[in-house]
Amino acid sequence: MAEPAWAVLSFWVPLYLAKEHGMDLKQIAMFAWLPFLAADLGSVVSGYLTRLYVRWFGCTRVNSVIASSVTGAFLMLSLTLVAITRDPYITIILISIGGFGHQIISCMLSALVVESFDKGQMATVNGMRGSAAWIASFLFSLLIGVTADKIGFNPLFIAMGFFDLIGAVFLVAFIAERRAKRA
C-alpha cells in the first residue's frame, strides 16, 4: 500500500504546490526536490534501523524489518497534516518526512522478500511485488486525476497517510514472527 503514496509524491506534488499554495515554477524547483532527498536518506537509514531493532529489542531479522516498516508507516502520518497546513514550507517538510518514511518501507519490503524466500524465488517474488506496487500507483494516479478537482487534494493526503498504517497492520498480523527463534 506504500507505492501509491510515492507515485503521488513523484507526480502530483508539483501540481498540488502550484494549485493549493500558489507556488510558481521557480519556487517549486527550489523546494520540490527535498522529499526526494529525504527519501534517499530514508533508504540509508532503513538498514541501520533494522540493526537497532535487533540490538536494542532483540528482534529477529524478520521482525526487525517489520518494525522498521511500522516506523516508516508512522512517519507517513505526516502526510495527513498536509491537509491542515497552510504554510507551503511546512508542507514541503511534512511531505519530506513522508518521503523519508516511504523509502524506509520500500527498502524493508525488499528486505522482507530476501528474509522470507529462497534464493531461487527472490527475484520472482520481488518482481511481482514491484509490479503490483506500480500497478497500484498507476490506478491511484488515475483516481487522483479524476477526484482532485472535485474534492481537492486534502482528503487524498489524509488517505495516503493512513495507507501505510493499514499495510503495517497486515505485516504485523500475517508476517511477524510470534516467537523468538532459538539458536
N, C-alpha and C. Protein backbone atom coordinates (compact mmCIF):
# COMPACT_ATOMS: atom_id res chain seq x y z
N MET A 1 0.81 -1.20 0.00
CA MET A 1 0.00 0.00 0.00
C MET A 1 0.86 1.27 0.00
N ALA A 2 2.16 1.11 0.10
CA ALA A 2 3.04 2.26 0.18
C ALA A 2 3.27 2.93 -1.17
N GLU A 3 3.29 2.16 -2.22
CA GLU A 3 3.71 2.70 -3.51
C GLU A 3 2.78 3.77 -4.08
N PRO A 4 1.45 3.68 -3.92
CA PRO A 4 0.62 4.77 -4.43
C PRO A 4 0.99 6.13 -3.83
N ALA A 5 1.36 6.15 -2.56
CA ALA A 5 1.76 7.42 -1.95
C ALA A 5 3.02 7.97 -2.61
N TRP A 6 3.95 7.09 -2.94
CA TRP A 6 5.17 7.55 -3.60
C TRP A 6 4.87 8.08 -4.99
N ALA A 7 3.95 7.45 -5.70
CA ALA A 7 3.58 7.94 -7.02
C ALA A 7 3.00 9.35 -6.92
N VAL A 8 2.20 9.58 -5.88
CA VAL A 8 1.65 10.92 -5.68
C VAL A 8 2.76 11.91 -5.41
N LEU A 9 3.70 11.52 -4.53
CA LEU A 9 4.81 12.42 -4.23
C LEU A 9 5.62 12.70 -5.49
N SER A 10 5.77 11.71 -6.33
CA SER A 10 6.58 11.86 -7.53
C SER A 10 5.90 12.71 -8.60
N PHE A 11 4.61 12.50 -8.79
CA PHE A 11 3.95 13.09 -9.95
C PHE A 11 2.99 14.22 -9.65
N TRP A 12 2.38 14.25 -8.48
CA TRP A 12 1.32 15.21 -8.22
C TRP A 12 1.71 16.35 -7.29
N VAL A 13 2.78 16.22 -6.53
CA VAL A 13 3.14 17.28 -5.59
C VAL A 13 3.41 18.62 -6.27
N PRO A 14 4.12 18.67 -7.40
CA PRO A 14 4.30 19.99 -8.03
C PRO A 14 2.97 20.67 -8.39
N LEU A 15 2.03 19.91 -8.92
CA LEU A 15 0.72 20.48 -9.24
C LEU A 15 0.01 20.93 -7.96
N TYR A 16 0.10 20.11 -6.92
CA TYR A 16 -0.50 20.47 -5.63
C TYR A 16 0.09 21.79 -5.11
N LEU A 17 1.41 21.91 -5.15
CA LEU A 17 2.06 23.13 -4.66
C LEU A 17 1.64 24.35 -5.46
N ALA A 18 1.49 24.18 -6.77
CA ALA A 18 1.06 25.29 -7.61
C ALA A 18 -0.40 25.66 -7.35
N LYS A 19 -1.25 24.65 -7.30
CA LYS A 19 -2.69 24.89 -7.16
C LYS A 19 -3.09 25.33 -5.77
N GLU A 20 -2.62 24.63 -4.77
CA GLU A 20 -3.08 24.87 -3.40
C GLU A 20 -2.27 25.93 -2.66
N HIS A 21 -1.01 26.09 -3.03
CA HIS A 21 -0.15 27.03 -2.30
C HIS A 21 0.33 28.19 -3.17
N GLY A 22 -0.10 28.22 -4.42
CA GLY A 22 0.23 29.33 -5.30
C GLY A 22 1.71 29.47 -5.64
N MET A 23 2.45 28.39 -5.53
CA MET A 23 3.88 28.45 -5.84
C MET A 23 4.07 28.48 -7.36
N ASP A 24 5.02 29.30 -7.79
CA ASP A 24 5.35 29.32 -9.22
C ASP A 24 6.42 28.27 -9.51
N LEU A 25 6.75 28.12 -10.77
CA LEU A 25 7.68 27.07 -11.18
C LEU A 25 9.04 27.21 -10.50
N LYS A 26 9.51 28.45 -10.34
CA LYS A 26 10.81 28.67 -9.69
C LYS A 26 10.78 28.20 -8.23
N GLN A 27 9.72 28.55 -7.52
CA GLN A 27 9.60 28.13 -6.12
C GLN A 27 9.49 26.61 -6.01
N ILE A 28 8.73 26.02 -6.91
CA ILE A 28 8.59 24.56 -6.90
C ILE A 28 9.95 23.92 -7.15
N ALA A 29 10.69 24.44 -8.12
CA ALA A 29 12.01 23.88 -8.43
C ALA A 29 12.97 24.03 -7.26
N MET A 30 12.81 25.09 -6.47
CA MET A 30 13.70 25.30 -5.34
C MET A 30 13.45 24.33 -4.20
N PHE A 31 12.22 23.83 -4.07
CA PHE A 31 11.88 23.05 -2.88
C PHE A 31 11.34 21.65 -3.15
N ALA A 32 10.80 21.38 -4.32
CA ALA A 32 10.13 20.10 -4.57
C ALA A 32 11.11 18.92 -4.62
N TRP A 33 12.40 19.17 -4.65
CA TRP A 33 13.38 18.08 -4.65
C TRP A 33 13.64 17.56 -3.23
N LEU A 34 13.27 18.32 -2.22
CA LEU A 34 13.56 17.92 -0.84
C LEU A 34 12.93 16.58 -0.44
N PRO A 35 11.68 16.29 -0.83
CA PRO A 35 11.15 14.96 -0.49
C PRO A 35 11.97 13.81 -1.09
N PHE A 36 12.57 14.04 -2.24
CA PHE A 36 13.39 13.00 -2.86
C PHE A 36 14.71 12.82 -2.11
N LEU A 37 15.28 13.91 -1.64
CA LEU A 37 16.48 13.81 -0.80
C LEU A 37 16.14 13.09 0.50
N ALA A 38 15.01 13.45 1.09
CA ALA A 38 14.59 12.77 2.33
C ALA A 38 14.37 11.29 2.08
N ALA A 39 13.81 10.95 0.92
CA ALA A 39 13.61 9.53 0.58
C ALA A 39 14.94 8.81 0.46
N ASP A 40 15.91 9.46 -0.16
CA ASP A 40 17.24 8.85 -0.25
C ASP A 40 17.82 8.59 1.14
N LEU A 41 17.66 9.55 2.02
CA LEU A 41 18.14 9.36 3.40
C LEU A 41 17.38 8.23 4.09
N GLY A 42 16.09 8.11 3.80
CA GLY A 42 15.30 7.01 4.36
C GLY A 42 15.83 5.66 3.91
N SER A 43 16.31 5.59 2.67
CA SER A 43 16.90 4.34 2.17
C SER A 43 18.12 3.96 2.98
N VAL A 44 18.96 4.94 3.25
CA VAL A 44 20.19 4.68 4.00
C VAL A 44 19.87 4.32 5.45
N VAL A 45 18.99 5.09 6.06
CA VAL A 45 18.65 4.88 7.47
C VAL A 45 17.96 3.54 7.69
N SER A 46 17.21 3.07 6.71
CA SER A 46 16.43 1.84 6.90
C SER A 46 17.30 0.65 7.30
N GLY A 47 18.46 0.53 6.71
CA GLY A 47 19.36 -0.57 7.06
C GLY A 47 19.87 -0.48 8.48
N TYR A 48 20.18 0.74 8.92
CA TYR A 48 20.65 0.93 10.29
C TYR A 48 19.52 0.72 11.29
N LEU A 49 18.32 1.08 10.89
CA LEU A 49 17.17 0.93 11.77
C LEU A 49 16.92 -0.53 12.12
N THR A 50 17.06 -1.42 11.14
CA THR A 50 16.86 -2.84 11.43
C THR A 50 17.90 -3.34 12.44
N ARG A 51 19.13 -2.87 12.29
CA ARG A 51 20.18 -3.27 13.24
C ARG A 51 19.85 -2.79 14.65
N LEU A 52 19.32 -1.58 14.75
CA LEU A 52 18.95 -1.05 16.07
C LEU A 52 17.85 -1.89 16.72
N TYR A 53 16.87 -2.28 15.92
CA TYR A 53 15.80 -3.12 16.48
C TYR A 53 16.33 -4.48 16.93
N VAL A 54 17.27 -5.03 16.23
CA VAL A 54 17.87 -6.30 16.65
C VAL A 54 18.66 -6.10 17.93
N ARG A 55 19.50 -5.06 17.96
CA ARG A 55 20.38 -4.83 19.11
C ARG A 55 19.60 -4.38 20.34
N TRP A 56 18.72 -3.41 20.21
CA TRP A 56 18.04 -2.84 21.37
C TRP A 56 16.90 -3.71 21.89
N PHE A 57 16.18 -4.37 20.99
CA PHE A 57 14.98 -5.10 21.41
C PHE A 57 15.08 -6.60 21.21
N GLY A 58 16.19 -7.07 20.65
CA GLY A 58 16.36 -8.50 20.43
C GLY A 58 15.41 -9.08 19.39
N CYS A 59 14.98 -8.26 18.46
CA CYS A 59 14.07 -8.73 17.41
C CYS A 59 14.77 -9.73 16.50
N THR A 60 13.99 -10.64 15.93
CA THR A 60 14.52 -11.49 14.86
C THR A 60 14.73 -10.60 13.65
N ARG A 61 15.41 -11.12 12.65
CA ARG A 61 15.65 -10.31 11.45
C ARG A 61 14.35 -9.92 10.76
N VAL A 62 13.44 -10.88 10.66
CA VAL A 62 12.15 -10.58 10.03
C VAL A 62 11.39 -9.53 10.85
N ASN A 63 11.35 -9.69 12.16
CA ASN A 63 10.63 -8.73 12.99
C ASN A 63 11.31 -7.36 13.00
N SER A 64 12.63 -7.31 12.87
CA SER A 64 13.30 -6.00 12.80
C SER A 64 12.94 -5.29 11.50
N VAL A 65 12.79 -6.06 10.43
CA VAL A 65 12.36 -5.48 9.15
C VAL A 65 10.93 -4.96 9.26
N ILE A 66 10.07 -5.73 9.90
CA ILE A 66 8.68 -5.31 10.08
C ILE A 66 8.60 -4.09 11.00
N ALA A 67 9.37 -4.09 12.08
CA ALA A 67 9.39 -2.94 12.99
C ALA A 67 9.86 -1.68 12.26
N SER A 68 10.85 -1.82 11.40
CA SER A 68 11.32 -0.68 10.61
C SER A 68 10.22 -0.19 9.67
N SER A 69 9.49 -1.14 9.07
CA SER A 69 8.38 -0.76 8.20
C SER A 69 7.29 -0.03 8.97
N VAL A 70 7.00 -0.50 10.17
CA VAL A 70 5.99 0.16 11.00
C VAL A 70 6.46 1.57 11.36
N THR A 71 7.74 1.74 11.64
CA THR A 71 8.29 3.07 11.91
C THR A 71 8.07 3.98 10.71
N GLY A 72 8.38 3.47 9.51
CA GLY A 72 8.14 4.24 8.29
C GLY A 72 6.67 4.59 8.11
N ALA A 73 5.79 3.64 8.44
CA ALA A 73 4.35 3.88 8.31
C ALA A 73 3.89 5.01 9.23
N PHE A 74 4.43 5.04 10.45
CA PHE A 74 4.07 6.13 11.35
C PHE A 74 4.60 7.47 10.85
N LEU A 75 5.77 7.46 10.23
CA LEU A 75 6.29 8.70 9.65
C LEU A 75 5.41 9.19 8.50
N MET A 76 4.78 8.26 7.80
CA MET A 76 3.88 8.63 6.70
C MET A 76 2.66 9.40 7.19
N LEU A 77 2.35 9.30 8.47
CA LEU A 77 1.23 10.08 9.01
C LEU A 77 1.45 11.58 8.84
N SER A 78 2.69 11.99 8.62
CA SER A 78 2.95 13.41 8.38
C SER A 78 2.14 13.92 7.18
N LEU A 79 1.84 13.03 6.24
CA LEU A 79 1.06 13.45 5.07
C LEU A 79 -0.35 13.88 5.45
N THR A 80 -0.90 13.32 6.53
CA THR A 80 -2.24 13.73 6.95
C THR A 80 -2.24 15.19 7.40
N LEU A 81 -1.13 15.65 7.95
CA LEU A 81 -1.03 17.04 8.42
C LEU A 81 -0.94 18.03 7.27
N VAL A 82 -0.55 17.54 6.09
CA VAL A 82 -0.51 18.41 4.91
C VAL A 82 -1.89 19.01 4.67
N ALA A 83 -2.93 18.25 4.96
CA ALA A 83 -4.30 18.69 4.72
C ALA A 83 -4.68 19.92 5.55
N ILE A 84 -4.05 20.12 6.69
CA ILE A 84 -4.42 21.25 7.55
C ILE A 84 -3.36 22.34 7.59
N THR A 85 -2.29 22.16 6.84
CA THR A 85 -1.19 23.12 6.85
C THR A 85 -1.37 24.13 5.73
N ARG A 86 -1.25 25.38 6.06
CA ARG A 86 -1.38 26.44 5.06
C ARG A 86 -0.03 26.98 4.60
N ASP A 87 1.00 26.75 5.37
CA ASP A 87 2.33 27.25 5.03
C ASP A 87 2.99 26.29 4.03
N PRO A 88 3.36 26.78 2.84
CA PRO A 88 3.94 25.88 1.83
C PRO A 88 5.26 25.26 2.27
N TYR A 89 6.02 25.95 3.10
CA TYR A 89 7.31 25.42 3.52
C TYR A 89 7.14 24.30 4.56
N ILE A 90 6.17 24.47 5.44
CA ILE A 90 5.84 23.39 6.37
C ILE A 90 5.30 22.20 5.58
N THR A 91 4.52 22.48 4.56
CA THR A 91 4.00 21.42 3.69
C THR A 91 5.14 20.61 3.09
N ILE A 92 6.17 21.29 2.58
CA ILE A 92 7.32 20.60 1.99
C ILE A 92 8.01 19.74 3.05
N ILE A 93 8.15 20.26 4.26
CA ILE A 93 8.79 19.49 5.34
C ILE A 93 7.96 18.24 5.64
N LEU A 94 6.65 18.39 5.75
CA LEU A 94 5.78 17.24 6.04
C LEU A 94 5.83 16.20 4.93
N ILE A 95 5.83 16.66 3.69
CA ILE A 95 5.92 15.74 2.56
C ILE A 95 7.29 15.06 2.56
N SER A 96 8.32 15.78 2.95
CA SER A 96 9.66 15.19 3.03
C SER A 96 9.72 14.10 4.10
N ILE A 97 9.08 14.35 5.23
CA ILE A 97 9.02 13.31 6.27
C ILE A 97 8.30 12.08 5.73
N GLY A 98 7.23 12.31 4.99
CA GLY A 98 6.53 11.20 4.35
C GLY A 98 7.40 10.46 3.36
N GLY A 99 8.18 11.19 2.57
CA GLY A 99 9.11 10.54 1.62
C GLY A 99 10.16 9.71 2.34
N PHE A 100 10.66 10.24 3.44
CA PHE A 100 11.63 9.50 4.27
C PHE A 100 11.01 8.20 4.77
N GLY A 101 9.80 8.31 5.32
CA GLY A 101 9.11 7.13 5.83
C GLY A 101 8.78 6.14 4.74
N HIS A 102 8.35 6.66 3.59
CA HIS A 102 8.02 5.76 2.49
C HIS A 102 9.22 4.92 2.07
N GLN A 103 10.36 5.56 1.97
CA GLN A 103 11.52 4.83 1.47
C GLN A 103 12.02 3.81 2.48
N ILE A 104 11.83 4.08 3.76
CA ILE A 104 12.12 3.05 4.76
C ILE A 104 11.26 1.82 4.48
N ILE A 105 9.97 2.06 4.27
CA ILE A 105 9.05 0.95 3.99
C ILE A 105 9.46 0.23 2.72
N SER A 106 9.73 0.97 1.67
CA SER A 106 10.07 0.37 0.38
C SER A 106 11.30 -0.52 0.49
N CYS A 107 12.33 -0.02 1.14
CA CYS A 107 13.54 -0.84 1.31
C CYS A 107 13.26 -2.07 2.17
N MET A 108 12.46 -1.89 3.19
CA MET A 108 12.18 -3.01 4.09
C MET A 108 11.32 -4.07 3.42
N LEU A 109 10.45 -3.68 2.49
CA LEU A 109 9.67 -4.70 1.78
C LEU A 109 10.58 -5.55 0.91
N SER A 110 11.58 -4.94 0.31
CA SER A 110 12.57 -5.73 -0.44
C SER A 110 13.37 -6.62 0.49
N ALA A 111 13.74 -6.09 1.65
CA ALA A 111 14.48 -6.89 2.63
C ALA A 111 13.63 -8.05 3.15
N LEU A 112 12.34 -7.81 3.28
CA LEU A 112 11.44 -8.87 3.74
C LEU A 112 11.40 -10.03 2.74
N VAL A 113 11.44 -9.70 1.47
CA VAL A 113 11.50 -10.75 0.44
C VAL A 113 12.78 -11.55 0.60
N VAL A 114 13.90 -10.86 0.82
CA VAL A 114 15.19 -11.54 0.99
C VAL A 114 15.15 -12.45 2.21
N GLU A 115 14.55 -11.98 3.29
CA GLU A 115 14.50 -12.76 4.53
C GLU A 115 13.50 -13.92 4.47
N SER A 116 12.52 -13.84 3.60
CA SER A 116 11.41 -14.79 3.64
C SER A 116 11.40 -15.84 2.52
N PHE A 117 12.20 -15.64 1.47
CA PHE A 117 12.13 -16.56 0.34
C PHE A 117 13.51 -17.11 0.00
N ASP A 118 13.51 -18.28 -0.63
CA ASP A 118 14.76 -18.91 -1.06
C ASP A 118 15.39 -18.11 -2.19
N LYS A 119 16.69 -18.34 -2.40
CA LYS A 119 17.42 -17.63 -3.45
C LYS A 119 16.75 -17.75 -4.81
N GLY A 120 16.26 -18.92 -5.12
CA GLY A 120 15.65 -19.14 -6.43
C GLY A 120 14.32 -18.44 -6.62
N GLN A 121 13.71 -17.99 -5.53
CA GLN A 121 12.41 -17.33 -5.61
C GLN A 121 12.48 -15.82 -5.44
N MET A 122 13.58 -15.32 -4.91
CA MET A 122 13.67 -13.90 -4.55
C MET A 122 13.38 -12.95 -5.70
N ALA A 123 14.02 -13.16 -6.82
CA ALA A 123 13.86 -12.24 -7.95
C ALA A 123 12.41 -12.24 -8.44
N THR A 124 11.83 -13.41 -8.53
CA THR A 124 10.44 -13.50 -9.00
C THR A 124 9.49 -12.81 -8.03
N VAL A 125 9.63 -13.10 -6.75
CA VAL A 125 8.74 -12.51 -5.75
C VAL A 125 8.92 -11.00 -5.70
N ASN A 126 10.16 -10.53 -5.71
CA ASN A 126 10.39 -9.09 -5.66
C ASN A 126 9.88 -8.42 -6.93
N GLY A 127 10.03 -9.07 -8.07
CA GLY A 127 9.48 -8.53 -9.31
C GLY A 127 7.97 -8.44 -9.28
N MET A 128 7.34 -9.47 -8.75
CA MET A 128 5.88 -9.45 -8.63
C MET A 128 5.43 -8.36 -7.65
N ARG A 129 6.18 -8.21 -6.56
CA ARG A 129 5.87 -7.16 -5.58
C ARG A 129 5.98 -5.79 -6.24
N GLY A 130 7.06 -5.58 -6.98
CA GLY A 130 7.24 -4.30 -7.65
C GLY A 130 6.19 -4.03 -8.71
N SER A 131 5.83 -5.05 -9.47
CA SER A 131 4.79 -4.89 -10.49
C SER A 131 3.45 -4.53 -9.85
N ALA A 132 3.10 -5.24 -8.80
CA ALA A 132 1.84 -4.94 -8.11
C ALA A 132 1.85 -3.52 -7.55
N ALA A 133 3.00 -3.11 -7.03
CA ALA A 133 3.12 -1.77 -6.46
C ALA A 133 2.92 -0.70 -7.53
N TRP A 134 3.51 -0.88 -8.69
CA TRP A 134 3.38 0.15 -9.73
C TRP A 134 2.03 0.11 -10.42
N ILE A 135 1.39 -1.05 -10.47
CA ILE A 135 0.01 -1.10 -10.97
C ILE A 135 -0.89 -0.32 -10.01
N ALA A 136 -0.70 -0.52 -8.71
CA ALA A 136 -1.46 0.23 -7.71
C ALA A 136 -1.18 1.73 -7.84
N SER A 137 0.07 2.10 -8.11
CA SER A 137 0.43 3.50 -8.29
C SER A 137 -0.28 4.10 -9.49
N PHE A 138 -0.30 3.35 -10.58
CA PHE A 138 -0.97 3.80 -11.79
C PHE A 138 -2.46 4.04 -11.52
N LEU A 139 -3.09 3.07 -10.87
CA LEU A 139 -4.52 3.19 -10.59
C LEU A 139 -4.81 4.35 -9.64
N PHE A 140 -3.96 4.52 -8.62
CA PHE A 140 -4.17 5.61 -7.68
C PHE A 140 -3.94 6.96 -8.35
N SER A 141 -2.98 7.04 -9.26
CA SER A 141 -2.76 8.29 -10.01
C SER A 141 -3.98 8.63 -10.86
N LEU A 142 -4.58 7.62 -11.47
CA LEU A 142 -5.82 7.86 -12.22
C LEU A 142 -6.93 8.37 -11.30
N LEU A 143 -7.03 7.76 -10.13
CA LEU A 143 -8.03 8.17 -9.16
C LEU A 143 -7.81 9.63 -8.74
N ILE A 144 -6.58 10.00 -8.52
CA ILE A 144 -6.27 11.38 -8.15
C ILE A 144 -6.64 12.32 -9.28
N GLY A 145 -6.29 11.94 -10.50
CA GLY A 145 -6.63 12.78 -11.64
C GLY A 145 -8.12 13.03 -11.76
N VAL A 146 -8.91 12.04 -11.43
CA VAL A 146 -10.37 12.16 -11.52
C VAL A 146 -10.95 12.92 -10.33
N THR A 147 -10.39 12.71 -9.15
CA THR A 147 -11.01 13.25 -7.94
C THR A 147 -10.42 14.55 -7.41
N ALA A 148 -9.18 14.87 -7.71
CA ALA A 148 -8.54 16.05 -7.10
C ALA A 148 -9.29 17.33 -7.42
N ASP A 149 -9.77 17.47 -8.65
CA ASP A 149 -10.52 18.68 -9.00
C ASP A 149 -11.87 18.74 -8.29
N LYS A 150 -12.43 17.58 -7.99
CA LYS A 150 -13.76 17.54 -7.37
C LYS A 150 -13.71 17.71 -5.86
N ILE A 151 -12.79 16.99 -5.21
CA ILE A 151 -12.76 17.02 -3.74
C ILE A 151 -11.51 17.69 -3.18
N GLY A 152 -10.58 18.03 -4.04
CA GLY A 152 -9.33 18.64 -3.59
C GLY A 152 -8.30 17.59 -3.21
N PHE A 153 -7.12 18.06 -2.92
CA PHE A 153 -6.01 17.17 -2.57
C PHE A 153 -6.03 16.73 -1.11
N ASN A 154 -6.65 17.51 -0.24
CA ASN A 154 -6.56 17.24 1.20
C ASN A 154 -7.05 15.85 1.60
N PRO A 155 -8.23 15.41 1.14
CA PRO A 155 -8.64 14.04 1.50
C PRO A 155 -7.67 12.98 0.98
N LEU A 156 -7.05 13.26 -0.14
CA LEU A 156 -6.09 12.31 -0.70
C LEU A 156 -4.83 12.22 0.16
N PHE A 157 -4.36 13.35 0.67
CA PHE A 157 -3.20 13.31 1.56
C PHE A 157 -3.53 12.58 2.86
N ILE A 158 -4.74 12.77 3.35
CA ILE A 158 -5.14 12.05 4.56
C ILE A 158 -5.15 10.55 4.29
N ALA A 159 -5.73 10.16 3.17
CA ALA A 159 -5.76 8.73 2.82
C ALA A 159 -4.35 8.17 2.69
N MET A 160 -3.46 8.91 2.01
CA MET A 160 -2.09 8.43 1.84
C MET A 160 -1.38 8.24 3.17
N GLY A 161 -1.67 9.12 4.12
CA GLY A 161 -1.05 9.00 5.43
C GLY A 161 -1.45 7.72 6.16
N PHE A 162 -2.66 7.25 5.88
CA PHE A 162 -3.14 6.05 6.58
C PHE A 162 -2.92 4.76 5.80
N PHE A 163 -2.70 4.83 4.50
CA PHE A 163 -2.50 3.60 3.71
C PHE A 163 -1.40 2.73 4.30
N ASP A 164 -0.28 3.34 4.65
CA ASP A 164 0.85 2.55 5.11
C ASP A 164 0.62 1.98 6.50
N LEU A 165 -0.16 2.67 7.32
CA LEU A 165 -0.50 2.08 8.62
C LEU A 165 -1.37 0.84 8.44
N ILE A 166 -2.27 0.89 7.47
CA ILE A 166 -3.09 -0.28 7.17
C ILE A 166 -2.18 -1.42 6.70
N GLY A 167 -1.24 -1.10 5.82
CA GLY A 167 -0.28 -2.11 5.38
C GLY A 167 0.55 -2.65 6.53
N ALA A 168 0.93 -1.78 7.47
CA ALA A 168 1.72 -2.22 8.63
C ALA A 168 0.93 -3.18 9.51
N VAL A 169 -0.36 -2.94 9.63
CA VAL A 169 -1.21 -3.87 10.39
C VAL A 169 -1.18 -5.25 9.75
N PHE A 170 -1.24 -5.30 8.43
CA PHE A 170 -1.16 -6.59 7.73
C PHE A 170 0.19 -7.26 7.94
N LEU A 171 1.27 -6.48 7.89
CA LEU A 171 2.59 -7.05 8.13
C LEU A 171 2.68 -7.68 9.52
N VAL A 172 2.22 -6.95 10.51
CA VAL A 172 2.29 -7.45 11.88
C VAL A 172 1.36 -8.65 12.05
N ALA A 173 0.18 -8.58 11.48
CA ALA A 173 -0.80 -9.65 11.67
C ALA A 173 -0.42 -10.94 10.96
N PHE A 174 0.15 -10.83 9.76
CA PHE A 174 0.33 -12.03 8.95
C PHE A 174 1.77 -12.49 8.75
N ILE A 175 2.74 -11.62 8.97
CA ILE A 175 4.12 -12.00 8.65
C ILE A 175 5.03 -12.00 9.87
N ALA A 176 4.75 -11.14 10.85
CA ALA A 176 5.63 -11.06 12.02
C ALA A 176 5.73 -12.42 12.71
N GLU A 177 6.94 -12.71 13.16
CA GLU A 177 7.19 -13.96 13.89
C GLU A 177 6.73 -13.78 15.32
N ARG A 178 5.96 -14.72 15.81
CA ARG A 178 5.37 -14.61 17.15
C ARG A 178 6.30 -15.06 18.26
N ARG A 179 7.26 -15.89 17.94
CA ARG A 179 8.20 -16.38 18.96
C ARG A 179 9.62 -16.11 18.49
N ALA A 180 10.47 -15.82 19.45
CA ALA A 180 11.88 -15.62 19.12
C ALA A 180 12.47 -16.96 18.68
N LYS A 181 13.31 -16.91 17.67
CA LYS A 181 13.98 -18.14 17.22
C LYS A 181 15.10 -18.48 18.18
N ARG A 182 15.25 -19.76 18.45
CA ARG A 182 16.32 -20.21 19.35
C ARG A 182 17.53 -20.61 18.51
N ALA A 183 18.69 -20.27 19.03
CA ALA A 183 19.92 -20.58 18.30
C ALA A 183 20.31 -22.03 18.43
